[in-house]
């Protein structure tokens, strides 16, 4: 599966059924080439006007199922939501 195919899939948390968004990037081990994390943009600030300053970093081991339209994950939202490194 290619990154462009992953970007078209919506990420949904199995714990509460919350839609997290779409995959925007991957984190991988440069020595082995193994994917370690999926990165999904975090929630918008006020009405989406001010952009985003957080992102969900989801460990690859938390992925439960990859379907044709969605990726099901089982994560604790508070632990996966981190401040974006690019701001």
PDB file of N, CA and C in Angstrom:
ATOM      1  N   UNK A   1       0.844  -1.176   0.000  1.00  0.00           N
ATOM      2  CA  UNK A   1       0.000   0.000   0.000  1.00  0.00           C
ATOM      3  C   UNK A   1       0.888   1.237   0.000  1.00  0.00           C
ATOM      4  N   UNK A   2       0.508   2.216  -0.773  1.00  0.00           N
ATOM      5  CA  UNK A   2       1.285   3.446  -0.900  1.00  0.00           C
ATOM      6  C   UNK A   2       0.735   4.533   0.012  1.00  0.00           C
ATOM      7  N   UNK A   3       1.555   5.536   0.276  1.00  0.00           N
ATOM      8  CA  UNK A   3       1.142   6.657   1.116  1.00  0.00           C
ATOM      9  C   UNK A   3      -0.069   7.366   0.528  1.00  0.00           C
ATOM     10  N   UNK A   4      -0.110   7.525  -0.772  1.00  0.00           N
ATOM     11  CA  UNK A   4      -1.258   8.210  -1.392  1.00  0.00           C
ATOM     12  C   UNK A   4      -2.556   7.433  -1.148  1.00  0.00           C
ATOM     13  N   UNK A   5      -2.487   6.116  -1.045  1.00  0.00           N
ATOM     14  CA  UNK A   5      -3.676   5.315  -0.723  1.00  0.00           C
ATOM     15  C   UNK A   5      -4.061   5.479   0.740  1.00  0.00           C
ATOM     16  N   UNK A   6      -3.063   5.562   1.633  1.00  0.00           N
ATOM     17  CA  UNK A   6      -3.343   5.768   3.061  1.00  0.00           C
ATOM     18  C   UNK A   6      -3.958   7.138   3.317  1.00  0.00           C
ATOM     19  N   UNK A   7      -3.540   8.149   2.558  1.00  0.00           N
ATOM     20  CA  UNK A   7      -4.062   9.508   2.746  1.00  0.00           C
ATOM     21  C   UNK A   7      -5.542   9.618   2.419  1.00  0.00           C
ATOM     22  N   UNK A   8      -6.068   8.672   1.662  1.00  0.00           N
ATOM     23  CA  UNK A   8      -7.477   8.701   1.289  1.00  0.00           C
ATOM     24  C   UNK A   8      -8.359   7.967   2.293  1.00  0.00           C
ATOM     25  N   UNK A   9      -7.768   7.404   3.331  1.00  0.00           N
ATOM     26  CA  UNK A   9      -8.529   6.640   4.320  1.00  0.00           C
ATOM     27  C   UNK A   9      -8.737   7.460   5.586  1.00  0.00           C
ATOM     28  N   UNK A  10      -9.949   7.415   6.116  1.00  0.00           N
ATOM     29  CA  UNK A  10     -10.270   8.135   7.339  1.00  0.00           C
ATOM     30  C   UNK A  10      -9.889   7.279   8.542  1.00  0.00           C
ATOM     31  N   UNK A  11      -9.310   7.910   9.552  1.00  0.00           N
ATOM     32  CA  UNK A  11      -8.896   7.211  10.767  1.00  0.00           C
ATOM     33  C   UNK A  11      -9.987   7.364  11.812  1.00  0.00           C
ATOM     34  N   UNK A  12     -10.444   6.231  12.365  1.00  0.00           N
ATOM     35  CA  UNK A  12     -11.511   6.220  13.364  1.00  0.00           C
ATOM     36  C   UNK A  12     -11.026   5.464  14.589  1.00  0.00           C
ATOM     37  N   UNK A  13     -11.272   6.046  15.769  1.00  0.00           N
ATOM     38  CA  UNK A  13     -10.889   5.431  17.030  1.00  0.00           C
ATOM     39  C   UNK A  13     -11.968   4.426  17.458  1.00  0.00           C
ATOM     40  N   UNK A  14     -11.586   3.184  17.677  1.00  0.00           N
ATOM     41  CA  UNK A  14     -12.536   2.127  18.077  1.00  0.00           C
ATOM     42  C   UNK A  14     -13.090   2.340  19.482  1.00  0.00           C
ATOM     43  N   UNK A  15     -12.354   3.016  20.344  1.00  0.00           N
ATOM     44  CA  UNK A  15     -12.787   3.182  21.745  1.00  0.00           C
ATOM     45  C   UNK A  15     -14.071   3.981  21.859  1.00  0.00           C
ATOM     46  N   UNK A  16     -14.173   5.048  21.078  1.00  0.00           N
ATOM     47  CA  UNK A  16     -15.351   5.900  21.197  1.00  0.00           C
ATOM     48  C   UNK A  16     -16.017   6.205  19.854  1.00  0.00           C
ATOM     49  N   UNK A  17     -15.498   5.655  18.772  1.00  0.00           N
ATOM     50  CA  UNK A  17     -16.080   5.872  17.452  1.00  0.00           C
ATOM     51  C   UNK A  17     -15.797   7.244  16.873  1.00  0.00           C
ATOM     52  N   UNK A  18     -14.886   7.987  17.469  1.00  0.00           N
ATOM     53  CA  UNK A  18     -14.586   9.349  17.017  1.00  0.00           C
ATOM     54  C   UNK A  18     -13.780   9.328  15.723  1.00  0.00           C
ATOM     55  N   UNK A  19     -14.171  10.218  14.810  1.00  0.00           N
ATOM     56  CA  UNK A  19     -13.415  10.402  13.576  1.00  0.00           C
ATOM     57  C   UNK A  19     -12.237  11.313  13.874  1.00  0.00           C
ATOM     58  N   UNK A  20     -11.034  10.839  13.594  1.00  0.00           N
ATOM     59  CA  UNK A  20      -9.839  11.623  13.882  1.00  0.00           C
ATOM     60  C   UNK A  20      -9.383  12.435  12.684  1.00  0.00           C
ATOM     61  N   UNK A  21      -9.684  11.979  11.491  1.00  0.00           N
ATOM     62  CA  UNK A  21      -9.275  12.689  10.285  1.00  0.00           C
ATOM     63  C   UNK A  21      -8.603  11.743   9.312  1.00  0.00           C
ATOM     64  N   UNK A  22      -7.832  12.304   8.414  1.00  0.00           N
ATOM     65  CA  UNK A  22      -7.157  11.527   7.386  1.00  0.00           C
ATOM     66  C   UNK A  22      -5.653  11.545   7.630  1.00  0.00           C
ATOM     67  N   UNK A  23      -4.982  10.489   7.251  1.00  0.00           N
ATOM     68  CA  UNK A  23      -3.530  10.378   7.409  1.00  0.00           C
ATOM     69  C   UNK A  23      -2.863  11.480   6.587  1.00  0.00           C
ATOM     70  N   UNK A  24      -1.936  12.208   7.212  1.00  0.00           N
ATOM     71  CA  UNK A  24      -1.213  13.242   6.466  1.00  0.00           C
ATOM     72  C   UNK A  24       0.263  12.896   6.295  1.00  0.00           C
ATOM     73  N   UNK A  25       0.783  12.010   7.164  1.00  0.00           N
ATOM     74  CA  UNK A  25       2.199  11.688   7.089  1.00  0.00           C
ATOM     75  C   UNK A  25       2.463  10.368   7.796  1.00  0.00           C
ATOM     76  N   UNK A  26       3.648   9.836   7.575  1.00  0.00           N
ATOM     77  CA  UNK A  26       4.088   8.609   8.228  1.00  0.00           C
ATOM     78  C   UNK A  26       5.409   8.864   8.917  1.00  0.00           C
ATOM     79  N   UNK A  27       5.676   8.106   9.960  1.00  0.00           N
ATOM     80  CA  UNK A  27       6.966   8.121  10.633  1.00  0.00           C
ATOM     81  C   UNK A  27       7.513   6.705  10.499  1.00  0.00           C
ATOM     82  N   UNK A  28       8.765   6.589  10.088  1.00  0.00           N
ATOM     83  CA  UNK A  28       9.322   5.252   9.910  1.00  0.00           C
ATOM     84  C   UNK A  28      10.760   5.211  10.377  1.00  0.00           C
ATOM     85  N   UNK A  29      11.224   4.001  10.657  1.00  0.00           N
ATOM     86  CA  UNK A  29      12.601   3.766  11.090  1.00  0.00           C
ATOM     87  C   UNK A  29      13.484   3.793   9.841  1.00  0.00           C
ATOM     88  N   UNK A  30      14.458   4.686   9.810  1.00  0.00           N
ATOM     89  CA  UNK A  30      15.285   4.847   8.617  1.00  0.00           C
ATOM     90  C   UNK A  30      16.221   3.660   8.389  1.00  0.00           C
ATOM     91  N   UNK A  31      16.526   2.930   9.440  1.00  0.00           N
ATOM     92  CA  UNK A  31      17.436   1.794   9.291  1.00  0.00           C
ATOM     93  C   UNK A  31      16.734   0.559   8.751  1.00  0.00           C
ATOM     94  N   UNK A  32      15.495   0.332   9.180  1.00  0.00           N
ATOM     95  CA  UNK A  32      14.778  -0.871   8.762  1.00  0.00           C
ATOM     96  C   UNK A  32      13.717  -0.595   7.704  1.00  0.00           C
ATOM     97  N   UNK A  33      13.257   0.652   7.598  1.00  0.00           N
ATOM     98  CA  UNK A  33      12.205   1.003   6.656  1.00  0.00           C
ATOM     99  C   UNK A  33      10.812   0.637   7.133  1.00  0.00           C
ATOM    100  N   UNK A  34      10.690   0.283   8.408  1.00  0.00           N
ATOM    101  CA  UNK A  34       9.409  -0.128   8.975  1.00  0.00           C
ATOM    102  C   UNK A  34       8.629   1.099   9.446  1.00  0.00           C
ATOM    103  N   UNK A  35       7.333   1.155   9.107  1.00  0.00           N
ATOM    104  CA  UNK A  35       6.479   2.253   9.569  1.00  0.00           C
ATOM    105  C   UNK A  35       6.290   2.128  11.076  1.00  0.00           C
ATOM    106  N   UNK A  36       6.520   3.221  11.804  1.00  0.00           N
ATOM    107  CA  UNK A  36       6.359   3.200  13.262  1.00  0.00           C
ATOM    108  C   UNK A  36       5.116   3.958  13.717  1.00  0.00           C
ATOM    109  N   UNK A  37       4.736   5.036  13.020  1.00  0.00           N
ATOM    110  CA  UNK A  37       3.594   5.849  13.425  1.00  0.00           C
ATOM    111  C   UNK A  37       2.849   6.410  12.213  1.00  0.00           C
ATOM    112  N   UNK A  38       1.544   6.579  12.373  1.00  0.00           N
ATOM    113  CA  UNK A  38       0.725   7.346  11.437  1.00  0.00           C
ATOM    114  C   UNK A  38       0.529   8.718  12.054  1.00  0.00           C
ATOM    115  N   UNK A  39       0.543   9.752  11.246  1.00  0.00           N
ATOM    116  CA  UNK A  39       0.337  11.107  11.753  1.00  0.00           C
ATOM    117  C   UNK A  39      -0.923  11.673  11.105  1.00  0.00           C
ATOM    118  N   UNK A  40      -1.841  12.130  11.966  1.00  0.00           N
ATOM    119  CA  UNK A  40      -3.127  12.674  11.549  1.00  0.00           C
ATOM    120  C   UNK A  40      -3.241  14.078  12.140  1.00  0.00           C
ATOM    121  N   UNK A  41      -3.631  15.088  11.346  1.00  0.00           N
ATOM    122  CA  UNK A  41      -3.794  16.436  11.909  1.00  0.00           C
ATOM    123  C   UNK A  41      -4.787  16.435  13.063  1.00  0.00           C
ATOM    124  N   UNK A  42      -4.486  17.219  14.086  1.00  0.00           N
ATOM    125  CA  UNK A  42      -5.344  17.311  15.263  1.00  0.00           C
ATOM    126  C   UNK A  42      -6.555  18.187  15.022  1.00  0.00           C
ATOM    127  N   UNK A  43      -7.338  18.391  16.068  1.00  0.00           N
ATOM    128  CA  UNK A  43      -8.547  19.210  15.932  1.00  0.00           C
ATOM    129  C   UNK A  43      -8.218  20.663  15.612  1.00  0.00           C
ATOM    130  N   UNK A  44      -9.138  21.320  14.916  1.00  0.00           N
ATOM    131  CA  UNK A  44      -8.976  22.735  14.563  1.00  0.00           C
ATOM    132  C   UNK A  44      -9.138  23.606  15.796  1.00  0.00           C
ATOM    133  N   UNK A  45      -8.543  24.770  15.716  1.00  0.00           N
ATOM    134  CA  UNK A  45      -8.779  25.778  16.747  1.00  0.00           C
ATOM    135  C   UNK A  45     -10.137  26.419  16.470  1.00  0.00           C
ATOM    136  N   UNK A  46     -10.371  27.564  16.972  1.00  0.00           N
ATOM    137  CA  UNK A  46     -11.653  28.254  16.892  1.00  0.00           C
ATOM    138  C   UNK A  46     -12.195  28.258  15.462  1.00  0.00           C
ATOM    139  N   UNK A  47     -13.277  27.492  15.218  1.00  0.00           N
ATOM    140  CA  UNK A  47     -13.991  27.403  13.944  1.00  0.00           C
ATOM    141  C   UNK A  47     -13.083  27.103  12.756  1.00  0.00           C
ATOM    142  N   UNK A  48     -11.908  26.580  13.003  1.00  0.00           N
ATOM    143  CA  UNK A  48     -11.005  26.228  11.919  1.00  0.00           C
ATOM    144  C   UNK A  48     -10.275  27.402  11.301  1.00  0.00           C
ATOM    145  N   UNK A  49     -10.483  28.596  11.845  1.00  0.00           N
ATOM    146  CA  UNK A  49      -9.887  29.801  11.268  1.00  0.00           C
ATOM    147  C   UNK A  49      -8.397  29.902  11.608  1.00  0.00           C
ATOM    148  N   UNK A  50      -8.047  29.530  12.822  1.00  0.00           N
ATOM    149  CA  UNK A  50      -6.677  29.722  13.299  1.00  0.00           C
ATOM    150  C   UNK A  50      -5.758  28.540  13.015  1.00  0.00           C
ATOM    151  N   UNK A  51      -6.219  27.553  12.297  1.00  0.00           N
ATOM    152  CA  UNK A  51      -5.377  26.410  11.949  1.00  0.00           C
ATOM    153  C   UNK A  51      -5.307  25.370  13.049  1.00  0.00           C
ATOM    154  N   UNK A  52      -4.221  24.614  13.043  1.00  0.00           N
ATOM    155  CA  UNK A  52      -4.036  23.525  14.003  1.00  0.00           C
ATOM    156  C   UNK A  52      -2.640  23.616  14.598  1.00  0.00           C
ATOM    157  N   UNK A  53      -2.516  23.275  15.857  1.00  0.00           N
ATOM    158  CA  UNK A  53      -1.193  23.248  16.459  1.00  0.00           C
ATOM    159  C   UNK A  53      -0.889  21.910  17.123  1.00  0.00           C
ATOM    160  N   UNK A  54      -1.777  20.940  16.929  1.00  0.00           N
ATOM    161  CA  UNK A  54      -1.566  19.614  17.483  1.00  0.00           C
ATOM    162  C   UNK A  54      -1.812  18.569  16.401  1.00  0.00           C
ATOM    163  N   UNK A  55      -1.278  17.377  16.643  1.00  0.00           N
ATOM    164  CA  UNK A  55      -1.503  16.267  15.728  1.00  0.00           C
ATOM    165  C   UNK A  55      -1.586  14.972  16.514  1.00  0.00           C
ATOM    166  N   UNK A  56      -2.281  14.000  15.932  1.00  0.00           N
ATOM    167  CA  UNK A  56      -2.357  12.677  16.525  1.00  0.00           C
ATOM    168  C   UNK A  56      -1.189  11.864  15.990  1.00  0.00           C
ATOM    169  N   UNK A  57      -0.383  11.322  16.885  1.00  0.00           N
ATOM    170  CA  UNK A  57       0.704  10.430  16.504  1.00  0.00           C
ATOM    171  C   UNK A  57       0.290   9.047  16.979  1.00  0.00           C
ATOM    172  N   UNK A  58      -0.056   8.188  16.029  1.00  0.00           N
ATOM    173  CA  UNK A  58      -0.649   6.892  16.325  1.00  0.00           C
ATOM    174  C   UNK A  58       0.364   5.798  16.032  1.00  0.00           C
ATOM    175  N   UNK A  59       0.713   5.040  17.047  1.00  0.00           N
ATOM    176  CA  UNK A  59       1.658   3.947  16.897  1.00  0.00           C
ATOM    177  C   UNK A  59       1.090   2.900  15.942  1.00  0.00           C
ATOM    178  N   UNK A  60       1.946   2.343  15.125  1.00  0.00           N
ATOM    179  CA  UNK A  60       1.499   1.342  14.157  1.00  0.00           C
ATOM    180  C   UNK A  60       0.894   0.127  14.853  1.00  0.00           C
ATOM    181  N   UNK A  61       1.346  -0.154  16.065  1.00  0.00           N
ATOM    182  CA  UNK A  61       0.810  -1.298  16.810  1.00  0.00           C
ATOM    183  C   UNK A  61      -0.624  -1.064  17.276  1.00  0.00           C
ATOM    184  N   UNK A  62      -1.096   0.181  17.262  1.00  0.00           N
ATOM    185  CA  UNK A  62      -2.468   0.508  17.671  1.00  0.00           C
ATOM    186  C   UNK A  62      -3.473   0.348  16.536  1.00  0.00           C
ATOM    187  N   UNK A  63      -3.000   0.089  15.329  1.00  0.00           N
ATOM    188  CA  UNK A  63      -3.904  -0.108  14.199  1.00  0.00           C
ATOM    189  C   UNK A  63      -4.548  -1.483  14.330  1.00  0.00           C
ATOM    190  N   UNK A  64      -5.878  -1.503  14.306  1.00  0.00           N
ATOM    191  CA  UNK A  64      -6.615  -2.757  14.429  1.00  0.00           C
ATOM    192  C   UNK A  64      -7.007  -3.321  13.074  1.00  0.00           C
ATOM    193  N   UNK A  65      -7.387  -2.454  12.143  1.00  0.00           N
ATOM    194  CA  UNK A  65      -7.843  -2.925  10.832  1.00  0.00           C
ATOM    195  C   UNK A  65      -7.667  -1.813   9.810  1.00  0.00           C
ATOM    196  N   UNK A  66      -7.226  -2.178   8.633  1.00  0.00           N
ATOM    197  CA  UNK A  66      -7.169  -1.243   7.517  1.00  0.00           C
ATOM    198  C   UNK A  66      -8.149  -1.757   6.470  1.00  0.00           C
ATOM    199  N   UNK A  67      -9.197  -0.975   6.230  1.00  0.00           N
ATOM    200  CA  UNK A  67     -10.221  -1.354   5.263  1.00  0.00           C
ATOM    201  C   UNK A  67     -10.091  -0.575   3.976  1.00  0.00           C
ATOM    202  N   UNK A  68     -11.108  -0.675   3.141  1.00  0.00           N
ATOM    203  CA  UNK A  68     -11.068   0.025   1.861  1.00  0.00           C
ATOM    204  C   UNK A  68     -11.259   1.527   2.021  1.00  0.00           C
ATOM    205  N   UNK A  69     -12.006   1.948   3.064  1.00  0.00           N
ATOM    206  CA  UNK A  69     -12.288   3.366   3.268  1.00  0.00           C
ATOM    207  C   UNK A  69     -11.742   3.930   4.579  1.00  0.00           C
ATOM    208  N   UNK A  70     -11.546   3.082   5.581  1.00  0.00           N
ATOM    209  CA  UNK A  70     -11.165   3.574   6.901  1.00  0.00           C
ATOM    210  C   UNK A  70     -10.014   2.768   7.491  1.00  0.00           C
ATOM    211  N   UNK A  71      -9.371   3.383   8.478  1.00  0.00           N
ATOM    212  CA  UNK A  71      -8.364   2.726   9.295  1.00  0.00           C
ATOM    213  C   UNK A  71      -8.886   2.770  10.724  1.00  0.00           C
ATOM    214  N   UNK A  72      -9.083   1.613  11.331  1.00  0.00           N
ATOM    215  CA  UNK A  72      -9.568   1.547  12.707  1.00  0.00           C
ATOM    216  C   UNK A  72      -8.376   1.436  13.649  1.00  0.00           C
ATOM    217  N   UNK A  73      -8.348   2.324  14.643  1.00  0.00           N
ATOM    218  CA  UNK A  73      -7.274   2.330  15.628  1.00  0.00           C
ATOM    219  C   UNK A  73      -7.873   2.260  17.027  1.00  0.00           C
ATOM    220  N   UNK A  74      -7.083   1.811  17.982  1.00  0.00           N
ATOM    221  CA  UNK A  74      -7.502   1.765  19.374  1.00  0.00           C
ATOM    222  C   UNK A  74      -6.474   2.557  20.178  1.00  0.00           C
ATOM    223  N   UNK A  75      -6.789   3.836  20.433  1.00  0.00           N
ATOM    224  CA  UNK A  75      -5.826   4.714  21.116  1.00  0.00           C
ATOM    225  C   UNK A  75      -6.503   5.486  22.238  1.00  0.00           C
ATOM    226  N   UNK A  76      -5.669   5.963  23.163  1.00  0.00           N
ATOM    227  CA  UNK A  76      -6.106   6.916  24.167  1.00  0.00           C
ATOM    228  C   UNK A  76      -5.839   8.298  23.566  1.00  0.00           C
ATOM    229  N   UNK A  77      -6.889   9.034  23.299  1.00  0.00           N
ATOM    230  CA  UNK A  77      -6.786  10.331  22.618  1.00  0.00           C
ATOM    231  C   UNK A  77      -5.816  11.276  23.330  1.00  0.00           C
ATOM    232  N   UNK A  78      -5.872  11.318  24.650  1.00  0.00           N
ATOM    233  CA  UNK A  78      -5.025  12.249  25.405  1.00  0.00           C
ATOM    234  C   UNK A  78      -3.538  11.943  25.234  1.00  0.00           C
ATOM    235  N   UNK A  79      -3.200  10.684  25.086  1.00  0.00           N
ATOM    236  CA  UNK A  79      -1.791  10.319  24.931  1.00  0.00           C
ATOM    237  C   UNK A  79      -1.309  10.479  23.486  1.00  0.00           C
ATOM    238  N   UNK A  80      -2.217  10.322  22.524  1.00  0.00           N
ATOM    239  CA  UNK A  80      -1.828  10.389  21.115  1.00  0.00           C
ATOM    240  C   UNK A  80      -1.789  11.825  20.585  1.00  0.00           C
ATOM    241  N   UNK A  81      -2.488  12.739  21.211  1.00  0.00           N
ATOM    242  CA  UNK A  81      -2.540  14.131  20.745  1.00  0.00           C
ATOM    243  C   UNK A  81      -1.350  14.896  21.297  1.00  0.00           C
ATOM    244  N   UNK A  82      -0.462  15.336  20.412  1.00  0.00           N
ATOM    245  CA  UNK A  82       0.733  16.047  20.855  1.00  0.00           C
ATOM    246  C   UNK A  82       0.864  17.354  20.099  1.00  0.00           C
ATOM    247  N   UNK A  83       1.686  18.242  20.626  1.00  0.00           N
ATOM    248  CA  UNK A  83       1.943  19.522  19.978  1.00  0.00           C
ATOM    249  C   UNK A  83       2.747  19.277  18.718  1.00  0.00           C
ATOM    250  N   UNK A  84       2.384  19.928  17.646  1.00  0.00           N
ATOM    251  CA  UNK A  84       3.055  19.741  16.371  1.00  0.00           C
ATOM    252  C   UNK A  84       4.496  20.225  16.457  1.00  0.00           C
ATOM    253  N   UNK A  85       5.399  19.464  15.885  1.00  0.00           N
ATOM    254  CA  UNK A  85       6.820  19.796  15.937  1.00  0.00           C
ATOM    255  C   UNK A  85       7.198  20.892  14.953  1.00  0.00           C
ATOM    256  N   UNK A  86       6.320  21.194  14.002  1.00  0.00           N
ATOM    257  CA  UNK A  86       6.660  22.146  12.955  1.00  0.00           C
ATOM    258  C   UNK A  86       6.252  23.575  13.257  1.00  0.00           C
ATOM    259  N   UNK A  87       5.710  23.831  14.439  1.00  0.00           N
ATOM    260  CA  UNK A  87       5.303  25.201  14.773  1.00  0.00           C
ATOM    261  C   UNK A  87       6.314  25.877  15.642  1.00  0.00           C
TER     262      UNK A  87
END
